[in-house]
Amino acid sequence: MFLTDIAILLVCGACAGFLAGLLGIGGGMILVPFMIIVFNHQGFSQDIIVHMAIATGMTTILFTSLSAIRAHHRHGSIDWKLVAGFTPGIIVGSFLGGSELFEAFNTGWLSLFFAVFIVYTSIQMFINKKPKPERELPGKVGLFSYGAFSGGLSSLLGAGGAFVTVPFMIWCNVSPHVAMATSSGLGFPIALASTLGYVFGSFGRPDLPAGSFGFIYLPAVACIVATSIFTAPLGAKLARKLNVVQLKRVFGVMLMFLALFMFNEAHKALGA
């Protein structure tokens, strides 16, 4: 890789790790647009460039989430019973999404799908609607079903799942700080099952560049993880001190700009 590409990935890794600790997100939504820029610079095939960016971004969450989990667990913020309830469904949904559905989407539609959900996530960042006080979390079947939905959707987007799990937990009257910390705990099984799915679904393709393991570009993973594992604990520490609602709104504005980039990528790929 060129030095400029390495520098971009190192900075993005630092930002993604910080946001993972601060807001419970995996960082994929931040990383994917910038990795597309880097991979274009590297001359990767346009047929797989978005797939590789999403799969590589998800793989980094394996490491970032562990760093964030450690920081949140140290302060007792994670609801591990809730993590256990979601995880079986998450594993099933993430693996199937990463292996069966992921490769079925062409670059244009995958870019469009990604952009739409960035917009959805940014809107969620602005909304601070209070749930009905009598609403509770569902039982085992409900948690499994929603976990499978979250895992499948996350594997298609390269995201850690917080964009669907955090609003759902808050909607069920889980406190925002616990919901965000718990979403860090959910990020690891989502990333693990999705990564295995990406490799299973794409291993041996002849159009993959050197340094790839399936759709995962290992040099980019190394650059991102090199900084993200150090900034994730900083974000988790700051999350207990700052007004998270205001931070979420700032992050929502940033996501809107990233959505515009991905809409443009979809427009170019689809030739609309």
C-alpha atoms as a PDB file:
ATOM      1  CA  MET A   1       0.000   0.000   0.000  1.00  0.00           C
ATOM      2  CA  PHE A   2       1.015   3.621  -0.515  1.00  0.00           C
ATOM      3  CA  LEU A   3       2.006   5.686   2.526  1.00  0.00           C
ATOM      4  CA  THR A   4      -1.021   7.946   2.073  1.00  0.00           C
ATOM      5  CA  ASP A   5      -3.319   4.902   2.134  1.00  0.00           C
ATOM      6  CA  ILE A   6      -1.669   3.608   5.298  1.00  0.00           C
ATOM      7  CA  ALA A   7      -2.024   7.030   6.946  1.00  0.00           C
ATOM      8  CA  ILE A   8      -5.732   7.200   6.049  1.00  0.00           C
ATOM      9  CA  LEU A   9      -6.370   3.747   7.511  1.00  0.00           C
ATOM     10  CA  LEU A  10      -4.437   4.506  10.703  1.00  0.00           C
ATOM     11  CA  VAL A  11      -6.453   7.694  11.301  1.00  0.00           C
ATOM     12  CA  CYS A  12      -9.736   5.952  10.466  1.00  0.00           C
ATOM     13  CA  GLY A  13      -8.843   3.133  12.838  1.00  0.00           C
ATOM     14  CA  ALA A  14      -8.260   5.612  15.649  1.00  0.00           C
ATOM     15  CA  CYS A  15     -11.614   7.304  14.992  1.00  0.00           C
ATOM     16  CA  ALA A  16     -13.481   4.001  14.679  1.00  0.00           C
ATOM     17  CA  GLY A  17     -12.033   2.662  17.918  1.00  0.00           C
ATOM     18  CA  PHE A  18     -12.886   5.841  19.789  1.00  0.00           C
ATOM     19  CA  LEU A  19     -16.489   5.795  18.532  1.00  0.00           C
ATOM     20  CA  ALA A  20     -16.798   2.085  19.358  1.00  0.00           C
ATOM     21  CA  GLY A  21     -15.988   2.829  22.978  1.00  0.00           C
ATOM     22  CA  LEU A  22     -17.970   6.057  23.140  1.00  0.00           C
ATOM     23  CA  LEU A  23     -21.236   5.102  21.417  1.00  0.00           C
ATOM     24  CA  GLY A  24     -21.087   1.300  21.276  1.00  0.00           C
ATOM     25  CA  ILE A  25     -20.845   1.232  17.466  1.00  0.00           C
ATOM     26  CA  GLY A  26     -18.444  -1.100  15.699  1.00  0.00           C
ATOM     27  CA  GLY A  27     -16.974   1.559  13.443  1.00  0.00           C
ATOM     28  CA  GLY A  28     -17.839  -0.122  10.126  1.00  0.00           C
ATOM     29  CA  MET A  29     -19.989   2.754   8.971  1.00  0.00           C
ATOM     30  CA  ILE A  30     -17.059   5.120   9.390  1.00  0.00           C
ATOM     31  CA  LEU A  31     -14.476   2.802   7.850  1.00  0.00           C
ATOM     32  CA  VAL A  32     -16.261   1.585   4.712  1.00  0.00           C
ATOM     33  CA  PRO A  33     -16.357   4.854   2.706  1.00  0.00           C
ATOM     34  CA  PHE A  34     -12.687   5.572   3.421  1.00  0.00           C
ATOM     35  CA  MET A  35     -11.638   2.024   2.585  1.00  0.00           C
ATOM     36  CA  ILE A  36     -13.440   2.361  -0.743  1.00  0.00           C
ATOM     37  CA  ILE A  37     -11.260   5.418  -1.444  1.00  0.00           C
ATOM     38  CA  VAL A  38      -8.111   3.477  -0.488  1.00  0.00           C
ATOM     39  CA  PHE A  39      -9.107   0.374  -2.462  1.00  0.00           C
ATOM     40  CA  ASN A  40      -9.887   2.491  -5.531  1.00  0.00           C
ATOM     41  CA  HIS A  41      -6.414   3.982  -5.192  1.00  0.00           C
ATOM     42  CA  GLN A  42      -5.032   0.431  -5.030  1.00  0.00           C
ATOM     43  CA  GLY A  43      -6.816  -0.424  -8.283  1.00  0.00           C
ATOM     44  CA  PHE A  44      -9.061  -3.186  -6.926  1.00  0.00           C
ATOM     45  CA  SER A  45     -11.829  -4.543  -9.158  1.00  0.00           C
ATOM     46  CA  GLN A  46     -15.015  -2.464  -9.025  1.00  0.00           C
ATOM     47  CA  ASP A  47     -17.047  -5.674  -8.860  1.00  0.00           C
ATOM     48  CA  ILE A  48     -15.739  -6.512  -5.384  1.00  0.00           C
ATOM     49  CA  ILE A  49     -14.525  -3.219  -3.940  1.00  0.00           C
ATOM     50  CA  VAL A  50     -17.589  -2.516  -1.748  1.00  0.00           C
ATOM     51  CA  HIS A  51     -17.739  -6.157  -0.635  1.00  0.00           C
ATOM     52  CA  MET A  52     -14.093  -5.996   0.426  1.00  0.00           C
ATOM     53  CA  ALA A  53     -14.537  -2.689   2.249  1.00  0.00           C
ATOM     54  CA  ILE A  54     -17.518  -4.004   4.231  1.00  0.00           C
ATOM     55  CA  ALA A  55     -15.924  -7.391   5.030  1.00  0.00           C
ATOM     56  CA  THR A  56     -12.615  -5.788   6.047  1.00  0.00           C
ATOM     57  CA  GLY A  57     -14.377  -3.226   8.232  1.00  0.00           C
ATOM     58  CA  MET A  58     -16.350  -5.958   9.989  1.00  0.00           C
ATOM     59  CA  THR A  59     -13.200  -7.982  10.637  1.00  0.00           C
ATOM     60  CA  THR A  60     -11.605  -5.064  12.491  1.00  0.00           C
ATOM     61  CA  ILE A  61     -14.572  -5.080  14.886  1.00  0.00           C
ATOM     62  CA  LEU A  62     -13.288  -8.416  16.216  1.00  0.00           C
ATOM     63  CA  PHE A  63     -10.398  -6.529  17.805  1.00  0.00           C
ATOM     64  CA  THR A  64     -12.029  -3.160  18.481  1.00  0.00           C
ATOM     65  CA  SER A  65     -14.996  -4.736  20.272  1.00  0.00           C
ATOM     66  CA  LEU A  66     -12.726  -6.717  22.612  1.00  0.00           C
ATOM     67  CA  SER A  67     -10.959  -3.535  23.632  1.00  0.00           C
ATOM     68  CA  ALA A  68     -14.262  -1.730  24.211  1.00  0.00           C
ATOM     69  CA  ILE A  69     -15.745  -4.730  26.057  1.00  0.00           C
ATOM     70  CA  ARG A  70     -12.833  -4.816  28.468  1.00  0.00           C
ATOM     71  CA  ALA A  71     -13.229  -1.116  29.255  1.00  0.00           C
ATOM     72  CA  HIS A  72     -17.015  -1.302  29.771  1.00  0.00           C
ATOM     73  CA  HIS A  73     -16.877  -4.560  31.760  1.00  0.00           C
ATOM     74  CA  ARG A  74     -14.377  -3.041  34.147  1.00  0.00           C
ATOM     75  CA  HIS A  75     -17.068  -0.554  35.167  1.00  0.00           C
ATOM     76  CA  GLY A  76     -19.921  -3.091  35.204  1.00  0.00           C
ATOM     77  CA  SER A  77     -21.812  -1.402  32.367  1.00  0.00           C
ATOM     78  CA  ILE A  78     -22.546  -4.494  30.234  1.00  0.00           C
ATOM     79  CA  ASP A  79     -25.696  -6.562  30.816  1.00  0.00           C
ATOM     80  CA  TRP A  80     -24.224 -10.018  30.165  1.00  0.00           C
ATOM     81  CA  LYS A  81     -27.580 -11.799  30.517  1.00  0.00           C
ATOM     82  CA  LEU A  82     -28.851  -9.678  27.656  1.00  0.00           C
ATOM     83  CA  VAL A  83     -25.725 -10.470  25.617  1.00  0.00           C
ATOM     84  CA  ALA A  84     -26.349 -14.190  26.211  1.00  0.00           C
ATOM     85  CA  GLY A  85     -29.971 -13.828  25.094  1.00  0.00           C
ATOM     86  CA  PHE A  86     -29.115 -12.121  21.807  1.00  0.00           C
ATOM     87  CA  THR A  87     -25.976 -14.079  20.882  1.00  0.00           C
ATOM     88  CA  PRO A  88     -27.418 -17.406  19.532  1.00  0.00           C
ATOM     89  CA  GLY A  89     -29.614 -15.568  17.026  1.00  0.00           C
ATOM     90  CA  ILE A  90     -26.815 -13.162  16.185  1.00  0.00           C
ATOM     91  CA  ILE A  91     -24.448 -16.015  15.294  1.00  0.00           C
ATOM     92  CA  VAL A  92     -26.993 -17.675  12.987  1.00  0.00           C
ATOM     93  CA  GLY A  93     -28.034 -14.436  11.284  1.00  0.00           C
ATOM     94  CA  SER A  94     -24.495 -13.079  10.906  1.00  0.00           C
ATOM     95  CA  PHE A  95     -23.071 -16.257   9.368  1.00  0.00           C
ATOM     96  CA  LEU A  96     -25.936 -16.712   6.907  1.00  0.00           C
ATOM     97  CA  GLY A  97     -25.876 -13.051   5.972  1.00  0.00           C
ATOM     98  CA  GLY A  98     -22.122 -13.016   5.449  1.00  0.00           C
ATOM     99  CA  SER A  99     -21.972 -16.252   3.461  1.00  0.00           C
ATOM    100  CA  GLU A 100     -25.258 -16.635   1.579  1.00  0.00           C
ATOM    101  CA  LEU A 101     -26.658 -13.132   1.089  1.00  0.00           C
ATOM    102  CA  PHE A 102     -23.544 -10.950   0.973  1.00  0.00           C
ATOM    103  CA  GLU A 103     -22.122 -12.157  -2.346  1.00  0.00           C
ATOM    104  CA  ALA A 104     -25.578 -12.143  -3.953  1.00  0.00           C
ATOM    105  CA  PHE A 105     -25.683  -8.317  -3.887  1.00  0.00           C
ATOM    106  CA  ASN A 106     -23.794  -6.549  -6.669  1.00  0.00           C
ATOM    107  CA  THR A 107     -21.693  -3.487  -5.870  1.00  0.00           C
ATOM    108  CA  GLY A 108     -24.316  -0.902  -6.799  1.00  0.00           C
ATOM    109  CA  TRP A 109     -27.162  -2.367  -4.783  1.00  0.00           C
ATOM    110  CA  LEU A 110     -24.894  -3.080  -1.823  1.00  0.00           C
ATOM    111  CA  SER A 111     -23.727   0.562  -1.856  1.00  0.00           C
ATOM    112  CA  LEU A 112     -27.325   1.770  -2.013  1.00  0.00           C
ATOM    113  CA  PHE A 113     -28.385  -0.569   0.793  1.00  0.00           C
ATOM    114  CA  PHE A 114     -25.486   0.655   2.909  1.00  0.00           C
ATOM    115  CA  ALA A 115     -26.320   4.323   2.249  1.00  0.00           C
ATOM    116  CA  VAL A 116     -29.988   3.903   3.181  1.00  0.00           C
ATOM    117  CA  PHE A 117     -29.098   2.384   6.535  1.00  0.00           C
ATOM    118  CA  ILE A 118     -26.535   5.084   7.251  1.00  0.00           C
ATOM    119  CA  VAL A 119     -29.371   7.582   6.829  1.00  0.00           C
ATOM    120  CA  TYR A 120     -31.575   5.468   9.127  1.00  0.00           C
ATOM    121  CA  THR A 121     -28.825   5.343  11.748  1.00  0.00           C
ATOM    122  CA  SER A 122     -28.210   9.091  11.572  1.00  0.00           C
ATOM    123  CA  ILE A 123     -31.924   9.719  12.145  1.00  0.00           C
ATOM    124  CA  GLN A 124     -31.825   7.410  15.166  1.00  0.00           C
ATOM    125  CA  MET A 125     -28.958   9.492  16.526  1.00  0.00           C
ATOM    126  CA  PHE A 126     -31.175  12.597  16.498  1.00  0.00           C
ATOM    127  CA  ILE A 127     -34.254  10.991  18.011  1.00  0.00           C
ATOM    128  CA  ASN A 128     -34.472  10.925  21.794  1.00  0.00           C
ATOM    129  CA  LYS A 129     -37.980   9.525  22.088  1.00  0.00           C
ATOM    130  CA  LYS A 130     -38.855   8.119  25.501  1.00  0.00           C
ATOM    131  CA  PRO A 131     -40.261   4.540  25.532  1.00  0.00           C
ATOM    132  CA  LYS A 132     -43.504   3.565  27.241  1.00  0.00           C
ATOM    133  CA  PRO A 133     -42.677   2.775  30.890  1.00  0.00           C
ATOM    134  CA  GLU A 134     -44.480  -0.590  30.819  1.00  0.00           C
ATOM    135  CA  ARG A 135     -42.548  -1.949  27.830  1.00  0.00           C
ATOM    136  CA  GLU A 136     -40.111  -4.801  28.594  1.00  0.00           C
ATOM    137  CA  LEU A 137     -37.594  -6.933  26.730  1.00  0.00           C
ATOM    138  CA  PRO A 138     -39.050 -10.001  24.946  1.00  0.00           C
ATOM    139  CA  GLY A 139     -38.441 -13.586  26.026  1.00  0.00           C
ATOM    140  CA  LYS A 140     -35.890 -16.061  24.656  1.00  0.00           C
ATOM    141  CA  VAL A 141     -37.643 -16.543  21.302  1.00  0.00           C
ATOM    142  CA  GLY A 142     -37.992 -12.802  20.816  1.00  0.00           C
ATOM    143  CA  LEU A 143     -34.341 -12.131  21.665  1.00  0.00           C
ATOM    144  CA  PHE A 144     -33.201 -14.945  19.347  1.00  0.00           C
ATOM    145  CA  SER A 145     -35.340 -13.616  16.488  1.00  0.00           C
ATOM    146  CA  TYR A 146     -34.214 -10.029  16.890  1.00  0.00           C
ATOM    147  CA  GLY A 147     -30.616 -11.205  17.287  1.00  0.00           C
ATOM    148  CA  ALA A 148     -30.836 -13.128  13.997  1.00  0.00           C
ATOM    149  CA  PHE A 149     -32.300 -10.068  12.263  1.00  0.00           C
ATOM    150  CA  SER A 150     -29.598  -7.801  13.714  1.00  0.00           C
ATOM    151  CA  GLY A 151     -26.799 -10.210  12.810  1.00  0.00           C
ATOM    152  CA  GLY A 152     -27.972 -10.710   9.235  1.00  0.00           C
ATOM    153  CA  LEU A 153     -28.407  -6.993   8.636  1.00  0.00           C
ATOM    154  CA  SER A 154     -25.069  -6.140  10.262  1.00  0.00           C
ATOM    155  CA  SER A 155     -23.197  -8.685   8.125  1.00  0.00           C
ATOM    156  CA  LEU A 156     -24.536  -7.022   4.977  1.00  0.00           C
ATOM    157  CA  LEU A 157     -23.459  -3.580   6.164  1.00  0.00           C
ATOM    158  CA  GLY A 158     -20.182  -4.342   7.935  1.00  0.00           C
ATOM    159  CA  ALA A 159     -21.503  -2.725  11.110  1.00  0.00           C
ATOM    160  CA  GLY A 160     -21.283  -3.910  14.693  1.00  0.00           C
ATOM    161  CA  GLY A 161     -25.051  -3.982  15.123  1.00  0.00           C
ATOM    162  CA  ALA A 162     -25.471  -1.059  17.511  1.00  0.00           C
ATOM    163  CA  PHE A 163     -27.530   0.829  14.949  1.00  0.00           C
ATOM    164  CA  VAL A 164     -30.336  -1.706  15.446  1.00  0.00           C
ATOM    165  CA  THR A 165     -29.639  -3.183  18.885  1.00  0.00           C
ATOM    166  CA  VAL A 166     -29.223   0.085  20.812  1.00  0.00           C
ATOM    167  CA  PRO A 167     -32.535   1.654  19.656  1.00  0.00           C
ATOM    168  CA  PHE A 168     -34.310  -1.660  20.361  1.00  0.00           C
ATOM    169  CA  MET A 169     -32.886  -1.980  23.878  1.00  0.00           C
ATOM    170  CA  ILE A 170     -33.706   1.644  24.690  1.00  0.00           C
ATOM    171  CA  TRP A 171     -37.217   1.097  23.256  1.00  0.00           C
ATOM    172  CA  CYS A 172     -37.514  -1.777  25.779  1.00  0.00           C
ATOM    173  CA  ASN A 173     -36.520   0.548  28.660  1.00  0.00           C
ATOM    174  CA  VAL A 174     -32.870  -0.459  28.960  1.00  0.00           C
ATOM    175  CA  SER A 175     -30.945   2.657  30.031  1.00  0.00           C
ATOM    176  CA  PRO A 176     -28.975   4.306  27.188  1.00  0.00           C
ATOM    177  CA  HIS A 177     -25.571   3.862  28.857  1.00  0.00           C
ATOM    178  CA  VAL A 178     -26.220   0.153  29.508  1.00  0.00           C
ATOM    179  CA  ALA A 179     -27.598  -0.309  25.973  1.00  0.00           C
ATOM    180  CA  MET A 180     -24.496   1.244  24.407  1.00  0.00           C
ATOM    181  CA  ALA A 181     -22.132  -0.759  26.603  1.00  0.00           C
ATOM    182  CA  THR A 182     -24.061  -3.988  25.958  1.00  0.00           C
ATOM    183  CA  SER A 183     -23.934  -3.371  22.206  1.00  0.00           C
ATOM    184  CA  SER A 184     -20.142  -3.536  22.506  1.00  0.00           C
ATOM    185  CA  GLY A 185     -20.553  -7.025  23.938  1.00  0.00           C
ATOM    186  CA  LEU A 186     -22.762  -7.964  20.989  1.00  0.00           C
ATOM    187  CA  GLY A 187     -20.245  -6.602  18.487  1.00  0.00           C
ATOM    188  CA  PHE A 188     -17.835  -9.500  18.949  1.00  0.00           C
ATOM    189  CA  PRO A 189     -20.200 -12.413  18.076  1.00  0.00           C
ATOM    190  CA  ILE A 190     -21.561 -10.378  15.143  1.00  0.00           C
ATOM    191  CA  ALA A 191     -18.034  -9.757  13.845  1.00  0.00           C
ATOM    192  CA  LEU A 192     -16.863 -13.337  14.412  1.00  0.00           C
ATOM    193  CA  ALA A 193     -19.790 -15.056  12.682  1.00  0.00           C
ATOM    194  CA  SER A 194     -19.875 -12.502   9.843  1.00  0.00           C
ATOM    195  CA  THR A 195     -16.124 -12.798   9.217  1.00  0.00           C
ATOM    196  CA  LEU A 196     -16.380 -16.574   8.999  1.00  0.00           C
ATOM    197  CA  GLY A 197     -19.297 -16.136   6.605  1.00  0.00           C
ATOM    198  CA  TYR A 198     -17.369 -13.734   4.355  1.00  0.00           C
ATOM    199  CA  VAL A 199     -14.439 -16.145   4.113  1.00  0.00           C
ATOM    200  CA  PHE A 200     -16.685 -19.172   3.537  1.00  0.00           C
ATOM    201  CA  GLY A 201     -18.642 -17.396   0.798  1.00  0.00           C
ATOM    202  CA  SER A 202     -15.703 -15.909  -1.121  1.00  0.00           C
ATOM    203  CA  PHE A 203     -12.608 -18.012  -0.491  1.00  0.00           C
ATOM    204  CA  GLY A 204     -10.745 -18.954  -3.676  1.00  0.00           C
ATOM    205  CA  ARG A 205     -12.240 -16.270  -5.942  1.00  0.00           C
ATOM    206  CA  PRO A 206      -9.753 -15.501  -8.761  1.00  0.00           C
ATOM    207  CA  ASP A 207     -10.443 -11.734  -8.792  1.00  0.00           C
ATOM    208  CA  LEU A 208      -9.268 -11.069  -5.221  1.00  0.00           C
ATOM    209  CA  PRO A 209      -6.061  -8.999  -4.793  1.00  0.00           C
ATOM    210  CA  ALA A 210      -2.888 -10.243  -3.124  1.00  0.00           C
ATOM    211  CA  GLY A 211      -3.088 -10.013   0.660  1.00  0.00           C
ATOM    212  CA  SER A 212      -6.752 -11.004   0.755  1.00  0.00           C
ATOM    213  CA  PHE A 213      -8.321 -13.777   2.784  1.00  0.00           C
ATOM    214  CA  GLY A 214     -11.620 -14.128   1.009  1.00  0.00           C
ATOM    215  CA  PHE A 215     -13.155 -10.655   0.872  1.00  0.00           C
ATOM    216  CA  ILE A 216     -10.989  -9.525   3.815  1.00  0.00           C
ATOM    217  CA  TYR A 217      -7.952  -7.384   2.947  1.00  0.00           C
ATOM    218  CA  LEU A 218      -5.475  -8.228   5.691  1.00  0.00           C
ATOM    219  CA  PRO A 219      -3.067  -5.232   5.310  1.00  0.00           C
ATOM    220  CA  ALA A 220      -5.988  -2.844   5.899  1.00  0.00           C
ATOM    221  CA  VAL A 221      -7.113  -4.841   8.940  1.00  0.00           C
ATOM    222  CA  ALA A 222      -3.603  -4.557  10.416  1.00  0.00           C
ATOM    223  CA  CYS A 223      -3.469  -0.771   9.914  1.00  0.00           C
ATOM    224  CA  ILE A 224      -6.895  -0.129  11.412  1.00  0.00           C
ATOM    225  CA  VAL A 225      -6.456  -2.432  14.403  1.00  0.00           C
ATOM    226  CA  ALA A 226      -3.044  -0.915  15.166  1.00  0.00           C
ATOM    227  CA  THR A 227      -4.747   2.292  16.328  1.00  0.00           C
ATOM    228  CA  SER A 228      -8.340   1.274  17.142  1.00  0.00           C
ATOM    229  CA  ILE A 229      -7.430  -1.019  20.042  1.00  0.00           C
ATOM    230  CA  PHE A 230      -5.821   1.920  21.828  1.00  0.00           C
ATOM    231  CA  THR A 231      -8.574   4.496  21.243  1.00  0.00           C
ATOM    232  CA  ALA A 232     -11.565   2.272  22.117  1.00  0.00           C
ATOM    233  CA  PRO A 233     -10.843   2.386  25.888  1.00  0.00           C
ATOM    234  CA  LEU A 234     -10.508   6.184  25.674  1.00  0.00           C
ATOM    235  CA  GLY A 235     -13.975   6.419  24.145  1.00  0.00           C
ATOM    236  CA  ALA A 236     -15.451   4.133  26.784  1.00  0.00           C
ATOM    237  CA  LYS A 237     -13.909   6.251  29.544  1.00  0.00           C
ATOM    238  CA  LEU A 238     -15.248   9.467  28.051  1.00  0.00           C
ATOM    239  CA  ALA A 239     -18.733   7.986  27.568  1.00  0.00           C
ATOM    240  CA  ARG A 240     -19.308   8.030  31.331  1.00  0.00           C
ATOM    241  CA  LYS A 241     -18.488  11.734  31.568  1.00  0.00           C
ATOM    242  CA  LEU A 242     -20.085  13.415  28.542  1.00  0.00           C
ATOM    243  CA  ASN A 243     -23.628  14.111  27.364  1.00  0.00           C
ATOM    244  CA  VAL A 244     -24.108  11.134  25.049  1.00  0.00           C
ATOM    245  CA  VAL A 245     -27.290  12.569  23.469  1.00  0.00           C
ATOM    246  CA  GLN A 246     -25.391  15.589  22.146  1.00  0.00           C
ATOM    247  CA  LEU A 247     -22.538  13.402  20.918  1.00  0.00           C
ATOM    248  CA  LYS A 248     -24.954  11.124  19.081  1.00  0.00           C
ATOM    249  CA  ARG A 249     -26.397  14.122  17.256  1.00  0.00           C
ATOM    250  CA  VAL A 250     -22.961  15.307  16.158  1.00  0.00           C
ATOM    251  CA  PHE A 251     -22.224  11.785  14.957  1.00  0.00           C
ATOM    252  CA  GLY A 252     -25.562  11.758  13.130  1.00  0.00           C
ATOM    253  CA  VAL A 253     -24.537  14.809  11.091  1.00  0.00           C
ATOM    254  CA  MET A 254     -21.267  13.111  10.144  1.00  0.00           C
ATOM    255  CA  LEU A 255     -23.132   9.990   9.040  1.00  0.00           C
ATOM    256  CA  MET A 256     -25.267  12.073   6.686  1.00  0.00           C
ATOM    257  CA  PHE A 257     -22.144  13.186   4.813  1.00  0.00           C
ATOM    258  CA  LEU A 258     -20.943   9.579   4.590  1.00  0.00           C
ATOM    259  CA  ALA A 259     -24.370   8.571   3.262  1.00  0.00           C
ATOM    260  CA  LEU A 260     -24.029  11.093   0.435  1.00  0.00           C
ATOM    261  CA  PHE A 261     -20.692   9.487  -0.513  1.00  0.00           C
ATOM    262  CA  MET A 262     -22.244   6.009  -0.596  1.00  0.00           C
ATOM    263  CA  PHE A 263     -25.254   7.211  -2.618  1.00  0.00           C
ATOM    264  CA  ASN A 264     -22.768   8.582  -5.144  1.00  0.00           C
ATOM    265  CA  GLU A 265     -20.961   5.206  -5.229  1.00  0.00           C
ATOM    266  CA  ALA A 266     -24.284   3.465  -5.869  1.00  0.00           C
ATOM    267  CA  HIS A 267     -25.109   5.960  -8.616  1.00  0.00           C
ATOM    268  CA  LYS A 268     -21.791   5.275 -10.371  1.00  0.00           C
ATOM    269  CA  ALA A 269     -22.081   1.494 -10.046  1.00  0.00           C
ATOM    270  CA  LEU A 270     -25.700   1.297 -11.209  1.00  0.00           C
ATOM    271  CA  GLY A 271     -25.181   3.809 -13.985  1.00  0.00           C
ATOM    272  CA  ALA A 272     -28.384   5.617 -13.065  1.00  0.00           C
END
